[in-house]
């Protein structure tokens, strides 16, 4: 699953959405956050 926006970006990948990260990891998946400043944020969960 991938969710993205066109906001300001700059979200640190290791600090974003800890509860969601825990849930995805609990079922053997992975979660990544790509959020360069000025370009929006994309969150990808692979389960």
N, C-alpha and C. Protein backbone atom coordinates (compact mmCIF):
# COMPACT_ATOMS: atom_id res chain seq x y z
N UNK A 1 0.85 -1.14 0.00
CA UNK A 1 0.00 0.00 0.00
C UNK A 1 0.90 1.22 0.00
N UNK A 2 0.50 2.24 -0.74
CA UNK A 2 1.27 3.47 -0.75
C UNK A 2 0.33 4.65 -0.62
N UNK A 3 0.70 5.59 0.24
CA UNK A 3 -0.07 6.81 0.45
C UNK A 3 0.88 7.97 0.30
N UNK A 4 0.47 8.99 -0.46
CA UNK A 4 1.35 10.15 -0.62
C UNK A 4 0.54 11.44 -0.59
N UNK A 5 1.26 12.53 -0.33
CA UNK A 5 0.63 13.85 -0.37
C UNK A 5 1.58 14.82 -1.06
N UNK A 6 1.12 16.03 -1.26
CA UNK A 6 1.94 17.05 -1.91
C UNK A 6 2.27 18.18 -0.95
N UNK A 7 2.42 17.82 0.32
CA UNK A 7 2.72 18.81 1.36
C UNK A 7 4.16 19.28 1.33
N UNK A 8 4.63 19.76 2.47
CA UNK A 8 5.97 20.36 2.55
C UNK A 8 7.08 19.33 2.76
N UNK A 9 6.74 18.09 3.10
CA UNK A 9 7.75 17.06 3.31
C UNK A 9 8.60 17.34 4.53
N UNK A 10 9.75 16.68 4.60
CA UNK A 10 10.67 16.90 5.70
C UNK A 10 10.40 16.06 6.93
N UNK A 11 9.54 15.04 6.83
CA UNK A 11 9.26 14.17 7.96
C UNK A 11 10.42 13.19 8.11
N UNK A 12 11.04 13.12 9.29
CA UNK A 12 12.12 12.13 9.47
C UNK A 12 11.56 10.72 9.45
N UNK A 13 12.12 9.84 8.64
CA UNK A 13 11.61 8.48 8.46
C UNK A 13 11.56 7.67 9.73
N UNK A 14 12.50 7.86 10.64
CA UNK A 14 12.52 7.06 11.86
C UNK A 14 11.63 7.61 12.96
N UNK A 15 11.03 8.78 12.75
CA UNK A 15 10.19 9.38 13.78
C UNK A 15 8.71 9.39 13.42
N UNK A 16 8.40 9.01 12.20
CA UNK A 16 7.02 9.12 11.74
C UNK A 16 6.23 7.85 12.00
N UNK A 17 5.03 8.00 12.52
CA UNK A 17 4.06 6.93 12.65
C UNK A 17 4.54 5.67 13.38
N UNK A 18 5.04 5.80 14.58
CA UNK A 18 5.56 4.62 15.28
C UNK A 18 4.51 3.54 15.51
N UNK A 19 3.27 3.89 15.76
CA UNK A 19 2.24 2.87 15.99
C UNK A 19 1.97 2.08 14.72
N UNK A 20 1.92 2.76 13.58
CA UNK A 20 1.70 2.07 12.31
C UNK A 20 2.90 1.17 11.98
N UNK A 21 4.09 1.67 12.21
CA UNK A 21 5.30 0.87 11.98
C UNK A 21 5.26 -0.40 12.80
N UNK A 22 4.92 -0.29 14.08
CA UNK A 22 4.84 -1.47 14.95
C UNK A 22 3.84 -2.49 14.43
N UNK A 23 2.70 -2.03 13.96
CA UNK A 23 1.67 -2.95 13.47
C UNK A 23 2.11 -3.67 12.20
N UNK A 24 2.73 -2.93 11.29
CA UNK A 24 3.19 -3.54 10.05
C UNK A 24 4.30 -4.55 10.33
N UNK A 25 5.24 -4.21 11.20
CA UNK A 25 6.32 -5.12 11.54
C UNK A 25 5.80 -6.38 12.24
N UNK A 26 4.73 -6.23 13.02
CA UNK A 26 4.17 -7.36 13.77
C UNK A 26 3.65 -8.47 12.85
N UNK A 27 3.29 -8.11 11.62
CA UNK A 27 2.80 -9.12 10.67
C UNK A 27 3.86 -9.46 9.62
N UNK A 28 5.11 -9.10 9.89
CA UNK A 28 6.21 -9.46 9.01
C UNK A 28 6.41 -8.53 7.83
N UNK A 29 5.83 -7.35 7.87
CA UNK A 29 5.95 -6.41 6.77
C UNK A 29 7.02 -5.36 7.00
N UNK A 30 7.03 -4.38 6.12
CA UNK A 30 7.97 -3.26 6.25
C UNK A 30 7.24 -1.96 5.93
N UNK A 31 7.73 -0.89 6.52
CA UNK A 31 7.14 0.43 6.30
C UNK A 31 8.27 1.41 6.03
N UNK A 32 8.15 2.16 4.96
CA UNK A 32 9.14 3.19 4.66
C UNK A 32 8.45 4.54 4.50
N UNK A 33 9.18 5.58 4.86
CA UNK A 33 8.70 6.95 4.71
C UNK A 33 9.73 7.69 3.88
N UNK A 34 9.27 8.25 2.77
CA UNK A 34 10.13 9.06 1.90
C UNK A 34 9.56 10.47 1.92
N UNK A 35 10.33 11.42 2.45
CA UNK A 35 9.79 12.75 2.66
C UNK A 35 10.86 13.84 2.53
N UNK A 36 11.41 14.01 1.32
CA UNK A 36 12.39 15.09 1.15
C UNK A 36 11.73 16.45 1.36
N UNK A 37 12.42 17.38 1.98
CA UNK A 37 11.85 18.72 2.19
C UNK A 37 11.37 19.34 0.87
N UNK A 38 10.17 19.88 0.92
CA UNK A 38 9.62 20.61 -0.22
C UNK A 38 8.95 19.75 -1.28
N UNK A 39 8.84 18.43 -1.08
CA UNK A 39 8.29 17.57 -2.14
C UNK A 39 7.16 16.68 -1.70
N UNK A 40 6.65 16.80 -0.51
CA UNK A 40 5.59 15.91 -0.05
C UNK A 40 6.14 14.68 0.65
N UNK A 41 5.23 13.80 1.03
CA UNK A 41 5.59 12.60 1.78
C UNK A 41 4.93 11.39 1.15
N UNK A 42 5.67 10.30 1.04
CA UNK A 42 5.13 9.02 0.59
C UNK A 42 5.43 7.97 1.64
N UNK A 43 4.39 7.28 2.08
CA UNK A 43 4.53 6.19 3.04
C UNK A 43 4.16 4.90 2.31
N UNK A 44 5.06 3.91 2.38
CA UNK A 44 4.84 2.64 1.70
C UNK A 44 4.87 1.51 2.73
N UNK A 45 3.81 0.71 2.73
CA UNK A 45 3.75 -0.47 3.60
C UNK A 45 3.68 -1.70 2.70
N UNK A 46 4.58 -2.67 2.97
CA UNK A 46 4.59 -3.93 2.25
C UNK A 46 4.33 -5.03 3.27
N UNK A 47 3.29 -5.82 3.01
CA UNK A 47 2.94 -6.90 3.93
C UNK A 47 2.89 -8.19 3.15
